[in-house]
Amino acid sequence: GTYDWMAGPLPLPTVLPNGQVGVINVANTIQNSNTKQLNGQFNMTTLYNKIPFLKRINTPPPPPKPPEKIPPKSKNDTSKVKKPIVKKPAGPKPIPAVVQVIGKLLMSLKTVSATYTETNGTGLPGYLPKSYLLGNDMAIGAPGLPFVFGQQGNGVNDPHDIRYRAFQNGWITTDTNQLNPTTQMHTQNYTIRGTFEPIKNMRIEVNFMRNYSENNSEYFHYNPDSQRLVITNPTTTGTFSISYISIGTAFVKDNADYSSQTFNNFQNYRFQIAARLAANNPYFASHNSSDSAGFPSGYSSTSQSVLLPAFLAAYGGKDPASVQIDNPFLKIPLPNWRFTYDGLGKLPALSEYFSSINITHGYQSTFNINSYNTDLNYDQLSSYATQRNTVGDFYPKYDIAQATIIETFSPLIGIESTLKSSLILKVEYRQSRNISLSFENSQITEVKSNEIVFGTGYKFKKVVFPINLGGKTKPKSDLITKLDISVRQDHTIIRQLSTDTSLPVAGVTVVSVKTSANYALNQRVTLSFFITDVINTPYVSTTYPTSNLNGGFSIRFTLTP
């Protein structure tokens, strides 16, 4: 844990409204924090091998032994007695091939790793005691060793909370000029990764992620009317991110008029989500009615409580009848993955021409709430929404400005091969989209990108450098050349709920050509040359086409003892 005591301004004499001389003393500020971290890694093969039968499946069979040669009978051996044949003990029966295949598939999970980090902290302004030994004022036991070493409380009514102890012991200034809030910080992040090898030369990496941060603040100050310390304006802000799966709608094409079936589903799902919310809220019963659009009273077509679950269901390809509606912070992360396979280059028909052939595929999707804060009109003591806003909707517990789904195929499919002649060939197709739901104006902004990349390279072996650098012979090294050509199309569409329209507002086609050459003069000096040309062709007429051409060379020195 950490602990800080920060001195405030020195007490300043002042004249009070009643004409008497007083002192402004906003006092000091103390804060602490603690961090808990847990890392774990498991080698599943070691676990499997604890079972003898599974160990036999994982152990490759030994190479067959050559047959034993029987020495010829000696001419001097006149005996007619046959020598006894010594039989070797029979080994275990071989495992059938079908059983081995099934066993290896069941044991395809090879490694698992997990990381968990939690950080908590408290900040208290208006703190009167001084800091002496170990940050404490030992005479009065303030703030106490537990707080110095990172102890956190559970609210002002918790006897272990520093705010409770400070209030009970008079450690907080009564000066009304102290206007800084007390703060509590909480972050919780965890990641789980797993590696699967279902067949030889195939590797699948799966990962789960969830990040959550929360910052609480409230004003803990002196009220001269009641002559006591009071707590006002409690607020909570934070961010949230979790791994998600939205592949179900990744390949849905827009219509010619830019309308989208996914967006239509989003509009239709609102009715089902609103009905579920109304059925779960007992305070809806007293206003059991519908608005002009057919939505339950309190859960209109633009209510945040309705829009967010409908957004997750439509763009995540989920069932609106089962999507989570009571909490915007999803509990269970969904897997993202990366796939690689390099077995094609080992096939006899291809190994004659290729040194390697690698096939790759990667998928990543996250659901993000960039910022949220508690709605001060929401009854925090109730488990249900009870109060309504000016348009008649129930206040949500959290005000969210924007929710986003970011999805990336990097790549959707990629093939890279190296021929026996040292020629490298690569082709990749990438796809991504960024879907943002704004609750302020009830609109969705979709930014989609498609890119195809062609790459090639060649290693010219033992190329003689044309200039003699002072040695007996000219340097001779490999010249490595690369060429990458990519064509990317980006376009942005805004979809308005209020008008049921989809309009393209931006877009560009980007053609990029990159070429480079590297030549190592020796172990410490490398020469590089590059040329890059990027051509941008916009979709809309409000911007102009552009072209950027860059080129140059570099000399890299490596200093080693």
Protein backbone atom coordinates (compact mmCIF):
# COMPACT_ATOMS: atom_id res chain seq x y z
CA GLY A 1 0.00 0.00 0.00
CA THR A 2 0.93 3.68 -0.28
CA TYR A 3 0.21 6.66 1.96
CA ASP A 4 0.57 10.41 1.36
CA TRP A 5 0.10 13.35 3.73
CA MET A 6 -0.04 16.65 1.84
CA ALA A 7 0.18 19.86 3.81
CA GLY A 8 -2.48 22.45 3.16
CA PRO A 9 -2.14 26.26 3.25
CA LEU A 10 -1.12 27.78 6.56
CA PRO A 11 -4.03 29.12 8.66
CA LEU A 12 -4.90 32.62 7.51
CA PRO A 13 -6.49 35.26 9.82
CA THR A 14 -9.67 36.81 8.45
CA VAL A 15 -12.58 39.00 9.54
CA LEU A 16 -15.84 37.11 10.01
CA PRO A 17 -19.23 38.54 8.93
CA ASN A 18 -20.02 39.36 12.59
CA GLY A 19 -16.91 41.54 12.79
CA GLN A 20 -14.87 39.14 14.86
CA VAL A 21 -11.43 37.92 13.81
CA GLY A 22 -11.31 34.29 12.70
CA VAL A 23 -8.96 31.91 10.95
CA ILE A 24 -9.27 30.20 7.55
CA ASN A 25 -7.95 26.67 7.96
CA VAL A 26 -8.75 24.23 5.16
CA ALA A 27 -6.26 21.80 6.77
CA ASN A 28 -4.34 19.01 5.04
CA THR A 29 -5.11 16.13 2.72
CA ILE A 30 -4.32 12.46 3.24
CA GLN A 31 -4.71 9.60 0.79
CA ASN A 32 -3.80 5.94 0.60
CA SER A 33 -4.03 3.04 -1.82
CA ASN A 34 -3.51 -0.69 -1.98
CA THR A 35 -3.00 -3.07 -4.87
CA LYS A 36 -3.75 -6.78 -5.02
CA GLN A 37 -2.31 -8.76 -7.89
CA LEU A 38 -2.57 -12.44 -8.70
CA ASN A 39 -0.79 -14.18 -11.58
CA GLY A 40 -1.10 -17.83 -12.45
CA GLN A 41 0.07 -20.09 -15.24
CA PHE A 42 -0.77 -23.75 -15.72
CA ASN A 43 0.90 -26.25 -18.04
CA MET A 44 -1.98 -28.60 -18.79
CA THR A 45 0.28 -31.19 -20.46
CA THR A 46 2.02 -31.76 -17.13
CA LEU A 47 -1.38 -32.31 -15.54
CA TYR A 48 -2.49 -34.73 -18.25
CA ASN A 49 0.70 -36.75 -17.86
CA LYS A 50 -0.16 -37.46 -14.23
CA ILE A 51 -2.57 -40.06 -15.65
CA PRO A 52 -0.58 -42.98 -17.17
CA PHE A 53 -3.05 -43.65 -19.97
CA LEU A 54 -3.06 -39.99 -21.10
CA LYS A 55 0.72 -39.88 -20.80
CA ARG A 56 0.96 -42.76 -23.29
CA ILE A 57 -1.17 -40.77 -25.76
CA ASN A 58 1.00 -37.66 -25.34
CA THR A 59 4.27 -39.62 -25.64
CA PRO A 60 5.32 -40.20 -29.26
CA PRO A 61 5.97 -43.85 -30.08
CA PRO A 62 9.63 -44.87 -30.09
CA PRO A 63 11.23 -45.59 -33.47
CA PRO A 64 11.04 -49.27 -34.46
CA LYS A 65 14.10 -51.29 -33.58
CA PRO A 66 15.91 -53.12 -36.36
CA PRO A 67 15.42 -56.92 -36.29
CA GLU A 68 18.07 -58.83 -34.34
CA LYS A 69 20.52 -60.74 -36.50
CA ILE A 70 20.93 -64.42 -35.65
CA PRO A 71 24.61 -65.39 -35.88
CA PRO A 72 25.29 -68.26 -38.33
CA LYS A 73 26.02 -71.68 -36.90
CA SER A 74 29.70 -72.38 -36.49
CA LYS A 75 31.23 -75.21 -38.55
CA ASN A 76 32.85 -76.60 -35.38
CA ASP A 77 29.47 -76.84 -33.64
CA THR A 78 28.51 -80.51 -34.07
CA SER A 79 25.75 -80.50 -31.48
CA LYS A 80 22.28 -81.13 -32.74
CA VAL A 81 20.60 -79.54 -29.76
CA LYS A 82 18.58 -76.48 -30.64
CA LYS A 83 19.33 -73.44 -28.57
CA PRO A 84 16.33 -72.19 -26.64
CA ILE A 85 14.73 -68.95 -27.93
CA VAL A 86 14.49 -66.33 -25.22
CA LYS A 87 11.18 -64.54 -25.52
CA LYS A 88 11.13 -60.89 -24.50
CA PRO A 89 8.26 -59.76 -22.32
CA ALA A 90 5.46 -58.26 -24.38
CA GLY A 91 4.94 -54.52 -23.92
CA PRO A 92 1.61 -52.81 -23.48
CA LYS A 93 -0.83 -53.09 -26.32
CA PRO A 94 -0.74 -50.15 -28.69
CA ILE A 95 -3.52 -47.60 -28.32
CA PRO A 96 -5.90 -47.63 -31.31
CA ALA A 97 -5.49 -44.68 -33.65
CA VAL A 98 -9.09 -43.53 -33.17
CA VAL A 99 -8.62 -43.42 -29.40
CA GLN A 100 -5.40 -41.42 -29.82
CA VAL A 101 -7.10 -38.85 -32.06
CA ILE A 102 -10.03 -38.42 -29.65
CA GLY A 103 -7.68 -38.24 -26.68
CA LYS A 104 -5.51 -35.55 -28.26
CA LEU A 105 -8.58 -33.50 -29.15
CA LEU A 106 -9.81 -33.70 -25.55
CA MET A 107 -6.35 -32.65 -24.35
CA SER A 108 -5.94 -29.86 -26.90
CA LEU A 109 -5.88 -27.23 -24.13
CA LYS A 110 -2.13 -26.86 -23.49
CA THR A 111 -1.63 -23.76 -21.31
CA VAL A 112 -3.80 -21.47 -19.21
CA SER A 113 -2.69 -18.17 -17.69
CA ALA A 114 -4.61 -15.60 -15.67
CA THR A 115 -3.87 -12.11 -14.32
CA TYR A 116 -6.01 -10.30 -11.76
CA THR A 117 -5.32 -6.79 -10.49
CA GLU A 118 -7.38 -4.75 -8.03
CA THR A 119 -6.50 -1.27 -6.80
CA ASN A 120 -8.34 0.72 -4.13
CA GLY A 121 -7.66 4.15 -2.71
CA THR A 122 -9.14 6.85 -0.46
CA GLY A 123 -8.49 10.59 -0.36
CA LEU A 124 -9.60 12.77 2.59
CA PRO A 125 -9.24 16.58 2.49
CA GLY A 126 -9.71 18.84 5.50
CA TYR A 127 -7.57 16.57 7.71
CA LEU A 128 -6.30 18.46 10.78
CA PRO A 129 -3.67 16.22 12.49
CA LYS A 130 0.02 16.43 11.63
CA SER A 131 2.25 13.71 10.23
CA TYR A 132 5.07 12.35 12.37
CA LEU A 133 6.31 8.78 12.79
CA LEU A 134 5.15 6.52 9.93
CA GLY A 135 2.77 9.24 8.78
CA ASN A 136 0.89 9.15 12.09
CA ASP A 137 0.19 11.55 14.89
CA MET A 138 0.92 8.99 17.59
CA ALA A 139 -0.50 11.16 20.38
CA ILE A 140 -4.04 10.78 19.03
CA GLY A 141 -3.58 7.71 16.80
CA ALA A 142 -4.43 9.56 13.60
CA PRO A 143 -4.98 8.30 10.98
CA GLY A 144 -3.88 4.90 12.29
CA LEU A 145 -1.49 2.29 10.93
CA PRO A 146 -4.22 0.35 9.07
CA PHE A 147 -4.99 3.41 6.92
CA VAL A 148 -1.28 4.10 6.39
CA PHE A 149 -0.84 0.55 5.07
CA GLY A 150 -3.79 0.87 2.66
CA GLN A 151 -6.91 -0.14 4.57
CA GLN A 152 -10.19 0.80 2.86
CA GLY A 153 -13.62 1.30 4.40
CA ASN A 154 -17.12 0.46 3.22
CA GLY A 155 -18.82 3.81 3.79
CA VAL A 156 -19.15 6.52 6.40
CA ASN A 157 -21.03 4.16 8.73
CA ASP A 158 -18.19 1.63 8.79
CA PRO A 159 -16.10 2.01 12.00
CA HIS A 160 -13.00 1.08 9.99
CA ASP A 161 -13.62 3.81 7.41
CA ILE A 162 -11.28 6.81 7.78
CA ARG A 163 -14.21 9.19 7.27
CA TYR A 164 -16.13 7.64 10.16
CA ARG A 165 -13.10 7.75 12.45
CA ALA A 166 -12.21 11.31 11.40
CA PHE A 167 -15.77 12.46 12.10
CA GLN A 168 -15.97 10.73 15.47
CA ASN A 169 -12.59 12.05 16.64
CA GLY A 170 -12.85 15.61 15.33
CA TRP A 171 -10.05 15.29 12.78
CA ILE A 172 -11.97 17.21 10.08
CA THR A 173 -11.86 20.98 9.79
CA THR A 174 -15.08 22.91 10.34
CA ASP A 175 -13.97 25.68 8.02
CA THR A 176 -16.60 26.20 5.30
CA ASN A 177 -13.84 27.24 2.87
CA GLN A 178 -12.87 23.58 2.58
CA LEU A 179 -14.65 22.70 -0.68
CA ASN A 180 -12.70 19.65 -1.90
CA PRO A 181 -14.53 16.31 -1.99
CA THR A 182 -13.46 13.06 -0.41
CA THR A 183 -12.68 10.41 -3.00
CA GLN A 184 -12.59 6.65 -3.23
CA MET A 185 -11.10 4.82 -6.19
CA HIS A 186 -11.62 1.21 -7.24
CA THR A 187 -10.28 -0.58 -10.33
CA GLN A 188 -10.61 -4.26 -11.17
CA ASN A 189 -8.94 -5.79 -14.21
CA TYR A 190 -8.50 -9.41 -15.16
CA THR A 191 -7.35 -11.34 -18.20
CA ILE A 192 -7.52 -15.07 -18.91
CA ARG A 193 -5.61 -16.68 -21.77
CA GLY A 194 -5.64 -20.22 -23.07
CA THR A 195 -3.73 -22.00 -25.83
CA PHE A 196 -5.23 -24.90 -27.78
CA GLU A 197 -3.39 -27.27 -30.12
CA PRO A 198 -6.12 -29.58 -31.47
CA ILE A 199 -3.90 -31.01 -34.21
CA LYS A 200 -0.24 -30.84 -35.09
CA ASN A 201 0.98 -27.45 -36.37
CA MET A 202 -2.31 -25.74 -35.43
CA ARG A 203 -2.43 -23.21 -32.60
CA ILE A 204 -5.47 -21.32 -31.27
CA GLU A 205 -4.99 -18.61 -28.65
CA VAL A 206 -8.13 -17.58 -26.74
CA ASN A 207 -8.36 -14.66 -24.33
CA PHE A 208 -10.98 -13.14 -22.03
CA MET A 209 -10.76 -9.59 -20.65
CA ARG A 210 -12.74 -7.38 -18.28
CA ASN A 211 -11.69 -3.92 -17.02
CA TYR A 212 -13.76 -1.86 -14.60
CA SER A 213 -12.96 1.42 -12.87
CA GLU A 214 -15.04 3.40 -10.39
CA ASN A 215 -14.36 6.75 -8.73
CA ASN A 216 -16.64 7.89 -5.90
CA SER A 217 -16.66 11.41 -4.57
CA GLU A 218 -18.75 13.25 -1.99
CA TYR A 219 -18.49 16.48 -0.07
CA PHE A 220 -17.73 15.87 3.60
CA HIS A 221 -17.83 19.31 5.15
CA TYR A 222 -19.12 21.41 8.04
CA ASN A 223 -22.64 22.87 7.94
CA PRO A 224 -22.79 26.01 10.13
CA ASP A 225 -26.60 25.89 10.34
CA SER A 226 -26.74 22.41 11.87
CA GLN A 227 -23.24 22.79 13.40
CA ARG A 228 -22.24 19.34 12.28
CA LEU A 229 -20.35 17.64 9.45
CA VAL A 230 -22.60 16.52 6.59
CA ILE A 231 -22.22 14.53 3.37
CA THR A 232 -23.61 15.98 0.16
CA ASN A 233 -23.59 15.30 -3.60
CA PRO A 234 -22.32 11.71 -3.74
CA THR A 235 -21.35 10.87 -7.32
CA THR A 236 -19.78 7.91 -9.06
CA THR A 237 -17.87 8.04 -12.35
CA GLY A 238 -15.84 5.47 -14.21
CA THR A 239 -15.12 3.46 -17.34
CA PHE A 240 -15.83 -0.10 -18.42
CA SER A 241 -14.53 -2.50 -21.07
CA ILE A 242 -15.11 -6.20 -21.68
CA SER A 243 -14.29 -8.70 -24.41
CA TYR A 244 -17.36 -9.40 -26.51
CA ILE A 245 -18.53 -11.35 -29.57
CA SER A 246 -20.31 -9.45 -32.33
CA ILE A 247 -19.33 -11.70 -35.23
CA GLY A 248 -22.99 -12.58 -35.84
CA THR A 249 -23.55 -9.23 -37.58
CA ALA A 250 -20.03 -8.61 -38.90
CA PHE A 251 -20.84 -9.62 -42.48
CA VAL A 252 -24.30 -8.08 -42.84
CA LYS A 253 -24.16 -5.82 -45.90
CA ASP A 254 -25.85 -2.44 -46.13
CA ASN A 255 -28.59 -1.93 -48.70
CA ALA A 256 -28.24 0.37 -51.69
CA ASP A 257 -29.84 3.23 -49.75
CA TYR A 258 -27.37 2.63 -46.84
CA SER A 259 -30.11 1.15 -44.64
CA SER A 260 -29.16 -1.87 -42.55
CA GLN A 261 -31.04 -4.94 -41.37
CA THR A 262 -29.04 -4.82 -38.13
CA PHE A 263 -30.21 -1.28 -37.48
CA ASN A 264 -33.79 -2.37 -38.23
CA ASN A 265 -33.43 -5.13 -35.65
CA PHE A 266 -32.14 -2.57 -33.16
CA GLN A 267 -35.28 -0.48 -33.68
CA ASN A 268 -37.59 -3.49 -33.34
CA TYR A 269 -35.85 -4.94 -30.28
CA ARG A 270 -36.67 -1.80 -28.30
CA PHE A 271 -40.29 -2.90 -27.87
CA GLN A 272 -39.31 -6.26 -26.39
CA ILE A 273 -36.67 -4.74 -24.11
CA ALA A 274 -39.10 -2.04 -22.88
CA ALA A 275 -41.73 -4.68 -22.10
CA ARG A 276 -39.20 -6.70 -20.07
CA LEU A 277 -38.11 -3.63 -18.11
CA ALA A 278 -41.72 -2.66 -17.35
CA ALA A 279 -42.55 -6.19 -16.22
CA ASN A 280 -39.57 -6.24 -13.84
CA ASN A 281 -40.27 -2.83 -12.25
CA PRO A 282 -43.04 -2.87 -9.61
CA TYR A 283 -43.27 0.93 -9.82
CA PHE A 284 -44.52 0.64 -13.37
CA ALA A 285 -47.80 -0.92 -12.18
CA SER A 286 -49.14 2.40 -10.94
CA HIS A 287 -48.69 3.85 -14.44
CA ASN A 288 -49.65 0.80 -16.46
CA SER A 289 -50.05 2.59 -19.77
CA SER A 290 -48.32 3.09 -23.11
CA ASP A 291 -47.22 6.13 -25.03
CA SER A 292 -48.32 7.06 -28.56
CA ALA A 293 -45.60 4.84 -30.11
CA GLY A 294 -46.73 1.80 -28.13
CA PHE A 295 -43.90 1.78 -25.57
CA PRO A 296 -44.65 1.21 -21.87
CA SER A 297 -44.92 4.41 -19.84
CA GLY A 298 -41.51 5.17 -18.34
CA TYR A 299 -39.57 3.26 -21.01
CA SER A 300 -39.91 5.24 -24.23
CA SER A 301 -38.21 4.62 -27.57
CA THR A 302 -35.25 6.87 -26.60
CA SER A 303 -34.84 5.79 -22.97
CA GLN A 304 -31.25 4.85 -22.12
CA SER A 305 -32.53 1.82 -20.20
CA VAL A 306 -34.15 0.56 -23.42
CA LEU A 307 -31.52 1.57 -25.98
CA LEU A 308 -28.46 -0.06 -24.43
CA PRO A 309 -29.80 -3.67 -24.16
CA ALA A 310 -31.39 -3.37 -27.61
CA PHE A 311 -28.03 -2.17 -28.99
CA LEU A 312 -26.17 -5.13 -27.49
CA ALA A 313 -28.77 -7.60 -28.72
CA ALA A 314 -28.95 -6.25 -32.29
CA TYR A 315 -25.27 -5.64 -33.00
CA GLY A 316 -24.07 -8.59 -30.95
CA GLY A 317 -26.46 -10.97 -32.71
CA LYS A 318 -28.08 -11.93 -29.40
CA ASP A 319 -31.64 -12.83 -28.43
CA PRO A 320 -33.43 -9.75 -27.01
CA ALA A 321 -35.36 -12.04 -24.69
CA SER A 322 -32.19 -13.11 -22.87
CA VAL A 323 -29.86 -10.10 -23.09
CA GLN A 324 -28.97 -8.50 -19.73
CA ILE A 325 -31.22 -5.52 -18.90
CA ASP A 326 -30.65 -4.76 -15.20
CA ASN A 327 -26.98 -3.74 -15.32
CA PRO A 328 -24.96 -2.08 -18.11
CA PHE A 329 -21.75 -3.69 -16.83
CA LEU A 330 -21.67 -7.20 -18.28
CA LYS A 331 -20.34 -9.78 -15.85
CA ILE A 332 -18.95 -12.55 -18.05
CA PRO A 333 -16.38 -11.76 -20.79
CA LEU A 334 -16.67 -13.60 -24.08
CA PRO A 335 -13.67 -15.08 -25.92
CA ASN A 336 -11.54 -13.41 -28.56
CA TRP A 337 -9.06 -15.54 -30.47
CA ARG A 338 -6.12 -15.88 -32.83
CA PHE A 339 -5.57 -18.87 -35.12
CA THR A 340 -2.33 -19.95 -36.80
CA TYR A 341 -1.54 -23.02 -38.90
CA ASP A 342 1.81 -23.80 -40.51
CA GLY A 343 1.29 -27.43 -41.53
CA LEU A 344 0.66 -26.90 -45.25
CA GLY A 345 4.33 -26.27 -45.95
CA LYS A 346 5.16 -29.68 -44.47
CA LEU A 347 2.99 -31.64 -46.92
CA PRO A 348 5.14 -33.65 -49.38
CA ALA A 349 3.42 -32.09 -52.42
CA LEU A 350 4.24 -28.54 -51.23
CA SER A 351 7.45 -28.94 -49.24
CA GLU A 352 9.35 -29.38 -52.50
CA TYR A 353 8.60 -25.77 -53.43
CA PHE A 354 7.91 -23.98 -50.14
CA SER A 355 10.01 -23.56 -47.04
CA SER A 356 6.95 -22.49 -45.03
CA ILE A 357 3.27 -21.62 -45.45
CA ASN A 358 1.53 -19.85 -42.57
CA ILE A 359 -2.23 -19.26 -42.36
CA THR A 360 -3.45 -16.75 -39.77
CA HIS A 361 -6.78 -15.42 -38.53
CA GLY A 362 -7.47 -13.07 -35.63
CA TYR A 363 -10.67 -11.80 -34.03
CA GLN A 364 -11.09 -9.17 -31.35
CA SER A 365 -14.27 -7.44 -30.17
CA THR A 366 -14.82 -5.26 -27.10
CA PHE A 367 -17.82 -3.53 -25.59
CA ASN A 368 -16.85 -0.20 -24.03
CA ILE A 369 -18.48 2.43 -21.87
CA ASN A 370 -16.04 5.31 -22.13
CA SER A 371 -17.57 7.28 -19.27
CA TYR A 372 -20.46 6.93 -16.86
CA ASN A 373 -21.67 8.73 -13.75
CA THR A 374 -24.46 8.24 -11.26
CA ASP A 375 -27.71 10.06 -11.90
CA LEU A 376 -28.41 12.21 -8.84
CA ASN A 377 -32.15 11.83 -9.44
CA TYR A 378 -32.00 8.04 -9.09
CA ASP A 379 -33.01 6.64 -5.70
CA GLN A 380 -29.81 4.82 -4.72
CA LEU A 381 -31.58 3.06 -1.82
CA SER A 382 -34.04 1.34 -4.13
CA SER A 383 -33.40 -1.69 -6.30
CA TYR A 384 -35.71 -0.33 -8.97
CA ALA A 385 -36.12 2.91 -10.89
CA THR A 386 -38.71 5.03 -9.12
CA GLN A 387 -38.31 8.63 -10.28
CA ARG A 388 -39.14 10.00 -13.74
CA ASN A 389 -37.59 12.73 -15.85
CA THR A 390 -39.33 15.55 -17.72
CA VAL A 391 -40.34 13.30 -20.63
CA GLY A 392 -41.78 10.66 -18.32
CA ASP A 393 -38.97 8.08 -18.48
CA PHE A 394 -37.58 6.45 -15.38
CA TYR A 395 -34.15 7.80 -14.42
CA PRO A 396 -31.40 5.19 -15.00
CA LYS A 397 -28.97 4.47 -12.20
CA TYR A 398 -26.03 5.58 -14.38
CA ASP A 399 -25.88 8.30 -16.99
CA ILE A 400 -23.92 7.02 -20.00
CA ALA A 401 -22.95 9.39 -22.78
CA GLN A 402 -21.84 6.76 -25.28
CA ALA A 403 -21.49 2.99 -25.63
CA THR A 404 -19.22 1.44 -28.27
CA ILE A 405 -18.57 -1.95 -29.86
CA ILE A 406 -15.16 -2.17 -31.54
CA GLU A 407 -14.59 -5.24 -33.71
CA THR A 408 -11.44 -6.15 -35.63
CA PHE A 409 -10.49 -9.05 -37.88
CA SER A 410 -6.73 -8.73 -38.00
CA PRO A 411 -6.67 -10.48 -40.34
CA LEU A 412 -9.88 -12.18 -41.41
CA ILE A 413 -7.62 -14.45 -43.42
CA GLY A 414 -3.90 -14.17 -44.03
CA ILE A 415 -1.47 -16.37 -45.94
CA GLU A 416 2.29 -15.90 -45.90
CA SER A 417 4.64 -18.26 -47.70
CA THR A 418 8.36 -18.52 -48.30
CA LEU A 419 9.57 -20.36 -51.37
CA LYS A 420 12.75 -22.36 -51.58
CA SER A 421 14.16 -19.57 -53.72
CA SER A 422 13.79 -17.13 -50.75
CA LEU A 423 10.85 -15.35 -52.39
CA ILE A 424 8.25 -14.25 -49.83
CA LEU A 425 4.56 -13.91 -50.78
CA LYS A 426 1.87 -12.53 -48.49
CA VAL A 427 -1.81 -11.68 -48.81
CA GLU A 428 -4.17 -10.53 -46.04
CA TYR A 429 -7.75 -9.36 -45.85
CA ARG A 430 -8.63 -7.21 -42.83
CA GLN A 431 -11.97 -5.92 -41.66
CA SER A 432 -13.01 -3.71 -38.77
CA ARG A 433 -15.91 -1.62 -37.54
CA ASN A 434 -16.53 0.86 -34.74
CA ILE A 435 -20.19 1.17 -33.73
CA SER A 436 -21.04 3.99 -31.31
CA LEU A 437 -24.43 4.60 -29.71
CA SER A 438 -24.94 8.16 -28.47
CA PHE A 439 -27.66 8.54 -25.85
CA GLU A 440 -27.74 12.32 -26.09
CA ASN A 441 -29.12 12.41 -29.63
CA SER A 442 -30.22 8.76 -30.03
CA GLN A 443 -28.07 8.00 -33.05
CA ILE A 444 -25.64 5.31 -34.11
CA THR A 445 -22.37 6.08 -35.88
CA GLU A 446 -20.81 3.20 -37.81
CA VAL A 447 -17.23 3.42 -39.06
CA LYS A 448 -16.41 0.43 -41.26
CA SER A 449 -13.08 -0.47 -42.81
CA ASN A 450 -12.05 -3.14 -45.32
CA GLU A 451 -8.44 -3.64 -46.37
CA ILE A 452 -6.56 -6.04 -48.60
CA VAL A 453 -2.77 -6.26 -48.39
CA PHE A 454 -0.37 -7.80 -50.89
CA GLY A 455 3.23 -8.25 -49.92
CA THR A 456 6.34 -9.75 -51.38
CA GLY A 457 10.00 -9.83 -50.55
CA TYR A 458 13.23 -11.36 -51.74
CA LYS A 459 16.62 -11.98 -50.24
CA PHE A 460 19.51 -11.44 -52.65
CA LYS A 461 22.31 -13.48 -51.16
CA LYS A 462 25.93 -12.39 -50.92
CA VAL A 463 25.58 -9.08 -52.71
CA VAL A 464 28.91 -7.25 -53.03
CA PHE A 465 28.82 -3.64 -51.81
CA PRO A 466 29.95 -1.39 -54.70
CA ILE A 467 32.24 0.78 -52.55
CA ASN A 468 35.44 -0.40 -50.88
CA LEU A 469 35.36 0.82 -47.28
CA GLY A 470 39.07 0.50 -46.72
CA GLY A 471 39.44 -3.23 -46.30
CA LYS A 472 41.17 -5.70 -48.53
CA THR A 473 37.87 -6.71 -50.10
CA LYS A 474 34.49 -5.10 -50.58
CA PRO A 475 31.79 -6.03 -48.04
CA LYS A 476 29.52 -8.89 -49.04
CA SER A 477 26.11 -9.43 -47.40
CA ASP A 478 22.46 -10.29 -48.07
CA LEU A 479 20.18 -7.61 -49.53
CA ILE A 480 16.64 -7.96 -48.15
CA THR A 481 13.91 -6.23 -50.17
CA LYS A 482 10.20 -5.85 -49.37
CA LEU A 483 7.17 -4.49 -51.21
CA ASP A 484 3.71 -4.03 -49.63
CA ILE A 485 0.62 -2.75 -51.44
CA SER A 486 -2.61 -2.17 -49.53
CA VAL A 487 -6.03 -0.87 -50.52
CA ARG A 488 -8.28 0.25 -47.66
CA GLN A 489 -11.84 1.53 -47.85
CA ASP A 490 -13.27 3.48 -44.91
CA HIS A 491 -16.77 4.86 -44.69
CA THR A 492 -18.87 6.42 -41.94
CA ILE A 493 -22.66 6.22 -41.72
CA ILE A 494 -24.87 8.01 -39.20
CA ARG A 495 -28.18 6.32 -38.40
CA GLN A 496 -30.84 8.49 -36.75
CA LEU A 497 -33.51 6.84 -34.62
CA SER A 498 -35.80 9.86 -34.60
CA THR A 499 -36.02 10.07 -38.42
CA ASP A 500 -35.22 6.44 -39.30
CA THR A 501 -32.54 7.55 -41.76
CA SER A 502 -29.04 6.35 -42.63
CA LEU A 503 -26.71 8.89 -44.22
CA PRO A 504 -23.06 8.50 -45.32
CA VAL A 505 -21.07 11.43 -43.94
CA ALA A 506 -17.45 10.46 -44.62
CA GLY A 507 -15.36 7.92 -46.48
CA VAL A 508 -12.07 7.44 -48.21
CA THR A 509 -10.15 4.93 -50.29
CA VAL A 510 -6.51 4.71 -49.27
CA VAL A 511 -3.94 3.10 -51.56
CA SER A 512 -0.57 2.59 -49.92
CA VAL A 513 2.65 1.41 -51.55
CA LYS A 514 5.64 0.73 -49.32
CA THR A 515 9.00 -0.55 -50.46
CA SER A 516 12.21 -1.00 -48.51
CA ALA A 517 15.67 -2.51 -48.75
CA ASN A 518 18.07 -3.46 -45.93
CA TYR A 519 21.76 -4.25 -46.26
CA ALA A 520 24.04 -5.18 -43.35
CA LEU A 521 27.54 -3.86 -43.95
CA ASN A 522 28.74 -5.75 -40.90
CA GLN A 523 27.45 -6.87 -37.52
CA ARG A 524 27.15 -3.28 -36.29
CA VAL A 525 26.15 -1.19 -39.31
CA THR A 526 22.95 -1.62 -41.35
CA LEU A 527 21.85 0.49 -44.31
CA SER A 528 18.12 0.97 -45.02
CA PHE A 529 16.28 2.59 -47.89
CA PHE A 530 12.52 3.15 -48.15
CA ILE A 531 9.83 4.78 -50.31
CA THR A 532 6.19 5.19 -49.22
CA ASP A 533 3.35 6.56 -51.34
CA VAL A 534 -0.14 7.03 -49.86
CA ILE A 535 -3.04 8.13 -52.09
CA ASN A 536 -6.34 9.20 -50.48
CA THR A 537 -9.50 9.40 -52.59
CA PRO A 538 -12.52 10.67 -50.59
CA TYR A 539 -16.11 9.55 -51.15
CA VAL A 540 -17.69 12.92 -50.45
CA SER A 541 -17.16 16.01 -52.57
CA THR A 542 -16.35 18.31 -49.64
CA THR A 543 -12.76 17.07 -49.47
CA TYR A 544 -10.03 16.71 -52.10
CA PRO A 545 -7.88 13.75 -53.13
CA THR A 546 -4.39 13.81 -51.68
CA SER A 547 -1.13 12.00 -52.27
CA ASN A 548 1.84 11.80 -49.91
CA LEU A 549 5.19 10.51 -51.11
CA ASN A 550 7.97 9.89 -48.61
CA GLY A 551 11.39 8.42 -49.14
CA GLY A 552 14.75 8.27 -47.49
CA PHE A 553 17.54 6.17 -46.12
CA SER A 554 19.00 5.48 -42.71
CA ILE A 555 22.21 4.15 -41.23
CA ARG A 556 21.78 2.19 -38.02
CA PHE A 557 24.71 1.66 -35.69
CA THR A 558 24.64 -0.99 -32.98
CA LEU A 559 27.00 -0.28 -30.10
CA THR A 560 28.02 -3.41 -28.23
CA PRO A 561 30.84 -3.85 -25.77
